[in-house]
Protein backbone atom coordinates (compact mmCIF):
# COMPACT_ATOMS: atom_id res chain seq x y z
CA MET A 1 0.16 0.00 0.11
CA GLU A 2 2.46 2.63 1.13
CA THR A 3 4.23 2.25 -2.42
CA GLU A 4 0.77 3.54 -3.55
CA ILE A 5 1.54 7.06 -1.50
CA HIS A 6 2.78 10.16 -3.81
CA TYR A 7 4.76 13.22 -1.63
CA ILE A 8 6.71 15.87 -3.20
CA ARG A 9 8.41 18.77 -1.90
CA ILE A 10 8.03 21.95 -3.70
CA GLY A 11 10.53 24.25 -1.93
CA ILE A 12 10.27 24.32 1.61
CA SER A 13 6.32 22.97 1.22
CA TYR A 14 5.30 19.40 1.40
CA TYR A 15 2.79 17.93 -0.66
CA LYS A 16 0.30 14.38 -1.14
CA MET A 17 -1.19 13.48 -4.69
CA VAL A 18 -4.94 12.90 -3.31
CA LYS A 19 -7.68 12.07 -5.09
CA LYS A 20 -10.74 13.77 -4.67
CA PRO A 21 -13.96 12.06 -5.46
CA LEU A 22 -16.77 14.22 -6.91
CA ALA A 23 -20.31 13.33 -7.09
CA SER A 24 -20.41 12.60 -10.88
CA GLY A 25 -17.89 9.15 -9.59
CA ASP A 26 -15.36 10.53 -11.16
CA TYR A 27 -11.82 11.82 -9.26
CA LEU A 28 -10.35 14.91 -9.05
CA THR A 29 -6.41 14.53 -8.68
CA MET A 30 -4.79 17.04 -6.69
CA LEU A 31 -2.07 17.69 -4.66
CA SER A 32 -2.87 18.56 -1.14
CA SER A 33 -0.61 20.30 1.31
CA TRP A 34 0.58 17.95 3.84
CA SER A 35 2.63 18.59 7.10
CA VAL A 36 6.12 17.06 7.23
CA GLU A 37 4.89 16.24 10.87
CA CYS A 38 2.16 14.16 10.04
CA ILE A 39 4.43 12.37 7.00
CA LYS A 40 7.25 11.66 9.96
CA GLN A 41 4.16 9.87 12.24
CA ASP A 42 3.07 7.96 9.36
CA HIS A 43 6.58 6.57 7.54
CA GLY A 44 8.93 8.09 9.78
CA ARG A 45 11.57 10.13 10.07
CA ASP A 46 14.16 8.61 7.15
CA TYR A 47 10.79 8.33 4.75
CA LEU A 48 11.18 12.31 4.02
CA SER A 49 14.60 11.48 2.28
CA VAL A 50 13.42 9.79 -0.84
CA ILE A 51 10.93 12.21 -1.82
CA PRO A 52 11.32 14.17 -4.50
CA LYS A 53 12.30 17.46 -4.05
CA TYR A 54 12.11 19.96 -6.49
CA ASP A 55 12.38 24.22 -6.84
CA GLY A 56 8.85 25.61 -7.61
CA PHE A 57 6.05 25.40 -9.94
CA CYS A 58 5.86 24.93 -13.43
CA PHE A 59 2.58 25.15 -16.12
CA VAL A 60 3.19 23.70 -19.21
CA PRO A 61 0.65 22.49 -21.37
CA SER A 62 1.46 18.91 -23.43
CA HIS A 63 -0.57 16.20 -23.98
CA LEU A 64 1.54 14.31 -26.87
CA ASN A 65 5.35 15.22 -25.63
CA TYR A 66 4.26 15.53 -21.89
CA LYS A 67 6.92 16.33 -19.32
CA ARG A 68 5.95 16.15 -15.71
CA ILE A 69 9.67 17.70 -14.42
CA VAL A 70 10.21 20.36 -16.84
CA GLY A 71 14.14 21.60 -15.82
CA ASN A 72 13.86 21.08 -11.86
CA PHE A 73 10.14 22.15 -11.71
CA TYR A 74 7.14 20.20 -10.97
CA ASN A 75 4.44 20.65 -14.11
CA ARG A 76 0.78 21.19 -13.01
CA TYR A 77 -0.24 20.33 -15.95
CA TYR A 78 -1.54 16.47 -15.69
CA PRO A 79 -0.20 13.66 -18.22
CA PHE A 80 -2.48 12.66 -20.77
CA THR A 81 -3.72 9.39 -20.06
CA HIS A 82 -4.47 7.99 -23.22
CA LYS A 83 -2.39 6.17 -25.85
CA ALA A 84 -3.16 6.64 -29.63
CA GLN A 85 -4.54 3.18 -30.98
CA PHE A 86 -5.42 2.52 -34.12
CA GLY A 87 -8.62 1.85 -35.10
CA ASN A 88 -12.02 3.50 -37.05
CA PRO A 89 -13.72 5.95 -34.01
CA LEU A 90 -17.08 5.71 -36.48
CA LYS A 91 -19.37 6.07 -33.99
CA THR A 92 -17.45 9.28 -32.63
CA LEU A 93 -17.38 10.21 -36.17
CA GLU A 94 -21.18 9.87 -36.77
CA TYR A 95 -21.17 11.68 -33.36
CA LEU A 96 -19.28 14.92 -33.94
CA GLU A 97 -21.23 15.38 -37.46
CA HIS A 98 -24.55 15.96 -35.60
CA ILE A 99 -22.48 18.19 -33.36
CA PHE A 100 -21.08 20.32 -36.02
CA GLY A 101 -22.88 19.44 -39.05
CA GLU A 102 -21.46 21.51 -42.27
CA GLN A 103 -18.69 22.79 -40.18
CA LEU A 104 -17.67 18.78 -39.52
CA GLU A 105 -13.97 19.51 -40.78
CA LEU A 106 -14.05 22.87 -38.60
CA GLY A 107 -14.80 20.59 -35.30
CA LEU A 108 -12.17 18.32 -36.42
CA ASP A 109 -9.20 21.07 -36.66
CA TYR A 110 -10.39 22.15 -33.42
CA LEU A 111 -10.02 19.06 -31.64
CA LYS A 112 -7.04 18.22 -33.30
CA ILE A 113 -5.58 21.64 -32.02
CA LEU A 114 -6.37 21.43 -28.63
CA LEU A 115 -4.61 17.58 -28.81
CA GLU A 116 -1.64 19.14 -30.38
CA MET A 117 -1.51 23.04 -29.88
CA PRO A 118 -2.99 23.27 -26.70
CA MET A 119 -1.71 27.19 -25.76
CA GLN A 120 -3.45 28.01 -29.28
CA VAL A 121 -6.22 30.24 -28.44
CA LEU A 122 -9.14 29.13 -30.03
CA PRO A 123 -13.25 30.84 -29.99
CA ILE A 124 -15.66 30.10 -27.50
CA LEU A 125 -17.67 27.41 -28.51
CA CYS A 126 -21.29 27.53 -27.65
CA LEU A 127 -23.60 24.31 -27.78
CA VAL A 128 -27.13 25.89 -27.71
CA SER A 129 -30.65 24.11 -28.40
CA THR A 130 -33.80 24.58 -26.37
CA GLU A 131 -34.89 21.05 -26.69
CA ARG A 132 -33.93 18.01 -24.90
CA ASN A 133 -31.93 14.91 -25.67
CA THR A 134 -30.01 16.71 -28.09
CA GLY A 135 -26.66 15.82 -26.99
CA LYS A 136 -24.83 18.57 -25.89
CA THR A 137 -23.93 17.87 -22.23
CA THR A 138 -22.69 14.56 -23.91
CA PHE A 139 -19.76 16.50 -26.02
CA LEU A 140 -18.45 18.34 -22.67
CA ASN A 141 -18.01 14.71 -20.82
CA LEU A 142 -16.42 13.11 -24.08
CA ILE A 143 -13.73 16.46 -24.33
CA LYS A 144 -13.81 15.71 -20.50
CA ALA A 145 -13.10 11.95 -20.59
CA ILE A 146 -10.51 12.95 -23.55
CA PHE A 147 -8.77 15.74 -21.31
CA GLY A 148 -9.09 14.48 -17.77
CA ASP A 149 -7.82 16.34 -15.05
CA ASN A 150 -6.62 19.12 -17.45
CA MET A 151 -10.71 20.13 -17.76
CA THR A 152 -13.01 21.10 -15.54
CA ILE A 153 -17.06 21.51 -16.17
CA ASN A 154 -18.74 23.93 -14.40
CA THR A 155 -21.72 25.70 -13.50
CA ASN A 156 -22.68 29.25 -13.85
CA GLU A 157 -21.87 29.73 -10.49
CA ASP A 158 -18.39 28.59 -10.40
CA PHE A 159 -17.68 31.01 -13.08
CA ARG A 160 -18.52 33.98 -11.24
CA SER A 161 -16.64 32.90 -7.93
CA ASN A 162 -13.57 35.01 -7.00
CA PHE A 163 -12.61 31.19 -5.95
CA ASN A 164 -11.38 30.36 -9.59
CA SER A 165 -7.93 28.35 -8.72
CA GLU A 166 -10.08 24.93 -9.66
CA TRP A 167 -10.15 25.72 -12.79
CA ALA A 168 -7.69 28.42 -13.84
CA GLN A 169 -5.33 26.01 -14.41
CA LYS A 170 -7.48 23.77 -16.97
CA VAL A 171 -7.05 24.15 -20.63
CA VAL A 172 -10.48 23.37 -21.22
CA ILE A 173 -13.18 25.02 -19.16
CA GLY A 174 -16.69 23.91 -19.91
CA VAL A 175 -19.70 25.63 -18.16
CA ASP A 176 -23.03 23.47 -18.48
CA GLU A 177 -26.66 25.15 -18.30
CA THR A 178 -25.20 28.49 -19.07
CA PHE A 179 -26.84 31.53 -18.14
CA LEU A 180 -24.17 34.00 -17.79
CA GLU A 181 -26.77 36.99 -18.60
CA ARG A 182 -24.92 40.25 -16.47
CA ARG A 183 -22.57 42.40 -18.60
CA GLU A 184 -19.51 41.75 -16.05
CA ASP A 185 -20.30 37.74 -16.79
CA SER A 186 -19.97 38.50 -20.70
CA GLU A 187 -17.35 40.71 -20.15
CA ARG A 188 -14.86 38.76 -17.97
CA LEU A 189 -15.50 35.40 -20.77
CA LYS A 190 -14.97 37.62 -23.53
CA ASN A 191 -11.26 38.62 -21.27
CA LEU A 192 -10.19 35.63 -20.55
CA SER A 193 -10.83 33.81 -24.20
CA THR A 194 -7.56 35.79 -24.85
CA ALA A 195 -5.76 36.01 -21.75
CA THR A 196 -2.26 34.34 -21.68
CA SER A 197 -2.41 35.35 -17.52
CA TYR A 198 -4.66 35.44 -15.03
CA LYS A 199 -4.94 35.84 -11.04
CA ALA A 200 -5.73 32.67 -9.37
CA GLU A 201 -7.16 33.01 -6.42
CA ALA A 202 -8.14 30.15 -3.34
CA LYS A 203 -9.84 30.46 0.01
CA GLY A 204 -7.37 31.10 2.66
CA GLN A 205 -4.14 31.99 -0.12
CA ASP A 206 -3.31 34.91 -1.37
CA ARG A 207 -3.96 35.65 -5.35
CA GLN A 208 -1.23 34.60 -7.74
CA GLU A 209 -0.94 35.24 -11.21
CA ILE A 210 -0.57 32.51 -13.30
CA GLU A 211 -0.34 32.09 -17.10
CA PHE A 212 -3.43 30.69 -18.71
CA PHE A 213 -4.24 28.79 -21.54
CA GLY A 214 -8.04 28.23 -20.63
CA LYS A 215 -10.88 27.55 -23.79
CA PHE A 216 -14.47 27.72 -23.03
CA ILE A 217 -16.94 25.27 -24.08
CA LEU A 218 -20.70 26.40 -22.99
CA CYS A 219 -23.61 24.65 -23.53
CA SER A 220 -27.05 26.24 -22.92
CA ASN A 221 -30.75 25.42 -23.27
CA ASN A 222 -31.52 29.60 -23.53
CA GLU A 223 -30.41 29.57 -27.29
CA ASP A 224 -31.56 33.22 -27.51
CA ASN A 225 -29.88 35.35 -24.25
CA PHE A 226 -27.46 32.91 -22.19
CA VAL A 227 -24.69 35.36 -22.67
CA MET A 228 -24.38 39.18 -23.90
CA ILE A 229 -22.95 39.52 -26.83
CA ASP A 230 -22.23 42.63 -28.95
CA PRO A 231 -23.09 43.16 -32.41
CA LYS A 232 -19.32 42.64 -34.03
CA GLU A 233 -18.17 40.34 -31.59
CA THR A 234 -15.88 37.41 -33.27
CA ARG A 235 -14.99 35.48 -30.11
CA TYR A 236 -18.35 33.02 -30.45
CA TRP A 237 -18.46 29.90 -32.27
CA VAL A 238 -22.60 29.18 -31.84
CA ARG A 239 -23.82 26.39 -32.78
CA ARG A 240 -27.60 25.02 -32.89
CA ILE A 241 -27.50 21.30 -32.04
CA PRO A 242 -30.68 19.07 -33.15
CA VAL A 243 -32.28 16.26 -31.44
CA LEU A 244 -30.41 12.90 -31.77
CA GLU A 245 -32.34 10.56 -33.97
CA LYS A 246 -31.84 7.78 -32.09
CA GLU A 247 -32.06 7.54 -28.25
CA ASN A 248 -29.21 5.78 -27.15
CA GLN A 249 -28.48 5.85 -23.15
CA SER A 250 -25.03 3.89 -23.41
CA LEU A 251 -23.83 6.73 -26.45
CA LEU A 252 -20.94 8.12 -23.72
CA ALA A 253 -19.35 4.65 -23.05
CA GLU A 254 -19.39 3.78 -26.93
CA LEU A 255 -17.85 7.15 -27.67
CA LYS A 256 -15.05 6.37 -24.65
CA ASN A 257 -14.35 2.92 -25.49
CA GLU A 258 -13.23 4.63 -29.22
CA ILE A 259 -11.25 7.56 -27.42
CA PRO A 260 -7.97 5.79 -28.50
CA PHE A 261 -9.04 5.28 -32.39
CA LEU A 262 -10.11 9.31 -32.25
CA ILE A 263 -6.74 10.19 -30.45
CA HIS A 264 -4.74 8.21 -33.48
CA TYR A 265 -7.54 9.48 -36.38
CA LEU A 266 -6.74 13.23 -35.45
CA VAL A 267 -2.56 12.86 -34.91
CA ASN A 268 -2.40 11.23 -38.64
CA ARG A 269 -5.38 13.95 -39.70
CA LYS A 270 -4.16 16.76 -41.67
CA LEU A 271 -5.61 20.49 -40.93
CA SER A 272 -8.04 21.59 -43.23
CA THR A 273 -7.37 25.56 -42.22
CA THR A 274 -4.14 27.56 -41.54
CA LYS A 275 -3.74 30.05 -38.59
CA GLN A 276 -5.88 33.16 -39.76
CA SER A 277 -6.51 35.54 -36.51
CA ARG A 278 -5.29 34.88 -32.54
CA MET A 279 -8.03 31.91 -32.42
CA TRP A 280 -6.84 30.69 -35.67
CA PHE A 281 -10.29 30.82 -37.03
CA THR A 282 -11.64 33.64 -39.33
CA HIS A 283 -15.31 35.18 -38.03
CA GLN A 284 -16.22 34.25 -41.21
CA GLN A 285 -15.52 30.76 -40.44
CA ILE A 286 -17.06 29.97 -37.81
CA GLU A 287 -20.12 32.34 -38.16
CA THR A 288 -23.31 30.79 -37.82
CA ALA A 289 -27.33 30.91 -38.08
CA ALA A 290 -27.73 30.72 -34.13
CA LEU A 291 -24.52 33.56 -33.73
CA LYS A 292 -26.65 35.89 -35.76
CA THR A 293 -29.67 35.14 -33.85
CA LEU A 294 -28.08 35.37 -30.83
CA LYS A 295 -26.59 38.85 -31.88
CA ARG A 296 -30.13 39.69 -32.98
CA GLN A 297 -32.09 39.03 -29.64
CA ASN A 298 -29.38 40.95 -27.46
CA ARG A 299 -29.34 43.88 -30.07
CA ASN A 300 -33.26 44.01 -29.75
CA LYS A 301 -33.45 43.12 -26.04
CA LEU A 302 -30.96 46.56 -25.48
CA GLU A 303 -33.32 48.65 -28.13
CA THR A 304 -36.48 47.55 -26.15
CA GLU A 305 -35.39 48.69 -22.62
CA ILE A 306 -34.44 52.29 -24.18
CA ALA A 307 -37.40 52.77 -26.10
CA GLN A 308 -39.93 52.09 -22.95
CA ILE A 309 -37.58 54.22 -20.93
CA LEU A 310 -37.70 57.15 -23.50
CA LEU A 311 -41.92 56.66 -24.26
CA SER A 312 -42.24 56.52 -20.38
CA ILE A 313 -40.29 59.69 -20.31
CA ALA A 314 -42.38 61.28 -23.28
CA ASP A 315 -45.47 60.40 -21.78
CA VAL A 316 -45.13 60.94 -18.16
CA LYS A 317 -43.77 65.01 -19.50
CA GLU A 318 -45.80 65.09 -22.12
CA VAL A 319 -43.09 66.45 -24.37
CA ASP A 320 -42.98 65.91 -28.29
CA GLU A 321 -39.14 65.03 -28.67
CA VAL A 322 -36.21 63.99 -25.93
CA LYS A 323 -32.96 65.13 -26.12
CA PHE A 324 -30.97 62.96 -23.96
CA CYS A 325 -27.20 61.77 -24.06
CA VAL A 326 -25.49 58.07 -24.10
CA GLY A 327 -24.77 58.88 -20.11
CA ASP A 328 -28.23 59.75 -19.67
CA ILE A 329 -29.41 56.39 -21.14
CA GLN A 330 -27.27 54.29 -19.11
CA ASP A 331 -28.51 56.17 -15.66
CA TRP A 332 -31.80 54.80 -17.05
CA LEU A 333 -31.37 51.63 -17.46
CA LEU A 334 -29.41 51.17 -14.13
CA LYS A 335 -32.12 52.72 -12.37
CA LYS A 336 -34.49 50.97 -14.00
CA GLY A 337 -32.68 47.62 -12.71
CA PHE A 338 -31.07 46.78 -16.25
CA ARG A 339 -27.65 45.27 -16.30
CA ASN A 340 -25.19 47.96 -16.99
CA HIS A 341 -24.52 48.46 -20.33
CA ASP A 342 -21.47 49.95 -22.05
CA SER A 343 -21.32 53.28 -23.87
CA THR A 344 -19.85 51.88 -26.79
CA THR A 345 -23.16 49.09 -27.04
CA ILE A 346 -25.60 52.04 -26.60
CA ARG A 347 -23.94 54.41 -29.07
CA ARG A 348 -24.17 51.54 -31.32
CA VAL A 349 -27.74 51.58 -30.95
CA LEU A 350 -27.95 55.11 -31.09
CA GLN A 351 -26.32 56.01 -34.14
CA SER A 352 -25.72 52.57 -36.18
CA ILE A 353 -28.88 51.33 -35.73
CA TRP A 354 -31.31 53.99 -35.14
CA GLY A 355 -29.67 56.85 -37.56
CA LEU A 356 -29.60 59.24 -34.69
CA LYS A 357 -26.52 61.47 -35.11
CA PRO A 358 -25.48 63.81 -31.57
CA ALA A 359 -25.48 67.33 -32.13
CA ALA A 360 -22.65 69.12 -33.05
CA ASN A 361 -21.57 71.44 -30.78
CA SER A 362 -22.04 70.78 -27.00
CA ASN A 363 -25.42 72.62 -25.82
CA SER A 364 -27.78 72.66 -23.19
CA TYR A 365 -30.53 70.93 -22.80
CA THR A 366 -33.59 69.52 -20.48
CA GLN A 367 -32.01 66.37 -19.10
CA TYR A 368 -34.15 63.54 -17.88
CA LYS A 369 -33.65 62.11 -13.97
CA ILE A 370 -35.46 58.70 -12.65
CA GLY A 371 -35.55 58.41 -9.29
CA SER A 372 -35.31 56.02 -6.70
CA ASP A 373 -38.73 55.54 -6.30
CA GLY A 374 -39.38 56.15 -10.21
CA THR A 375 -40.02 59.61 -10.50
CA ILE A 376 -39.03 61.63 -13.53
CA TYR A 377 -37.68 65.14 -12.38
CA GLU A 378 -35.70 67.21 -14.75
CA SER A 379 -32.31 69.36 -14.90
CA THR A 380 -30.41 71.54 -16.92
CA GLN A 381 -27.58 70.35 -18.41
CA LYS A 382 -24.65 70.70 -21.38
CA GLY A 383 -23.13 67.84 -24.11
CA ARG A 384 -23.60 66.80 -27.35
CA TYR A 385 -27.34 65.45 -27.44
CA PHE A 386 -29.16 63.24 -29.40
CA THR A 387 -32.43 64.14 -30.05
CA LEU A 388 -35.81 61.66 -30.86
CA SER A 389 -39.53 62.91 -31.47
CA MET A 390 -42.46 61.14 -30.03
CA ASN A 391 -43.33 59.87 -33.76
CA ALA A 392 -40.27 58.30 -33.77
CA ILE A 393 -40.21 56.59 -30.45
CA GLU A 394 -43.52 55.12 -30.90
CA LYS A 395 -41.99 53.70 -34.40
CA VAL A 396 -38.81 52.17 -32.85
CA ASN A 397 -41.04 50.41 -29.46
CA ASP A 398 -43.05 49.04 -31.96
CA SER A 399 -40.31 47.77 -34.66
């Protein structure tokens, strides 16, 4: 039994390799801090001399050419457990065609890049459908089975939590049943998708800046607004997943059995694309109808929110037109309890979509503010305001 116990010393601290049981029945392999006194009590003082000693931790992702020790540093990236084996991953290719459809070649490129170039930035892959039995969660579980302890499947709250040490050093971060509707959620997700470093934080420990190589896979039953996305956003690859033709309770087990065949297939398959952007693929390559729908729904919701507030102001104050600046709209949205939209997005609605132009110069105008009790009151301010007539407001509100 004792040969199975694995301790290491990093600098002056001792750690034990432990397997933490998960609710899913799987285990999370992790290093747990261990006191030298406990080791001596359990194994005797002489045992300390045989414990491997390293100068520190490093984080070097690799699957096909993995090294646990780099220099005299202990690699916190976990070993890749699968061995390529010649065979036909027929079931897996059929399933991947279900997931990626007409973009199957891009999907296979995505998996090959994950396998062979884990440090390469990739788009935020989103699998969405309002229908059940589509195989979205199965995809997350398949990727988890392939990349093991180097992937984690989170909840929305895990992603939002300040304590991120359990997922900050994973090559793939999945979020099931995604609903990240707040502006700060989407901004964090966008920033992380292209980040090369990140500040990891664990309970009771100081934040530490680490190298970050995480790729995000989101699954959601909400097709229209599971995440906020701007009209010109290029980091998302959104696929609407249809219902599986046949229900197969053993599908995941069959896919897991073919993992060695899939690894062999991917290694020997040539990429169908070359690197065209920091996320490898171009926006045009990964653009889908589902992505356009998501953008349209996000845009329409913001337009509706602004139009309804403008209509309410015009009605209450009995005016034929309303003058306002972008900052006024931000204040109105916050007072009404809507998420905090940035000025760029609001300006895009006003100018690009509604076709409004701000005043040429900074002039005085009647500013409308909304009190905490919902009361609308006036003040005089100066700014390059926009003007919208009552008729125009009603048209926007009805569109």
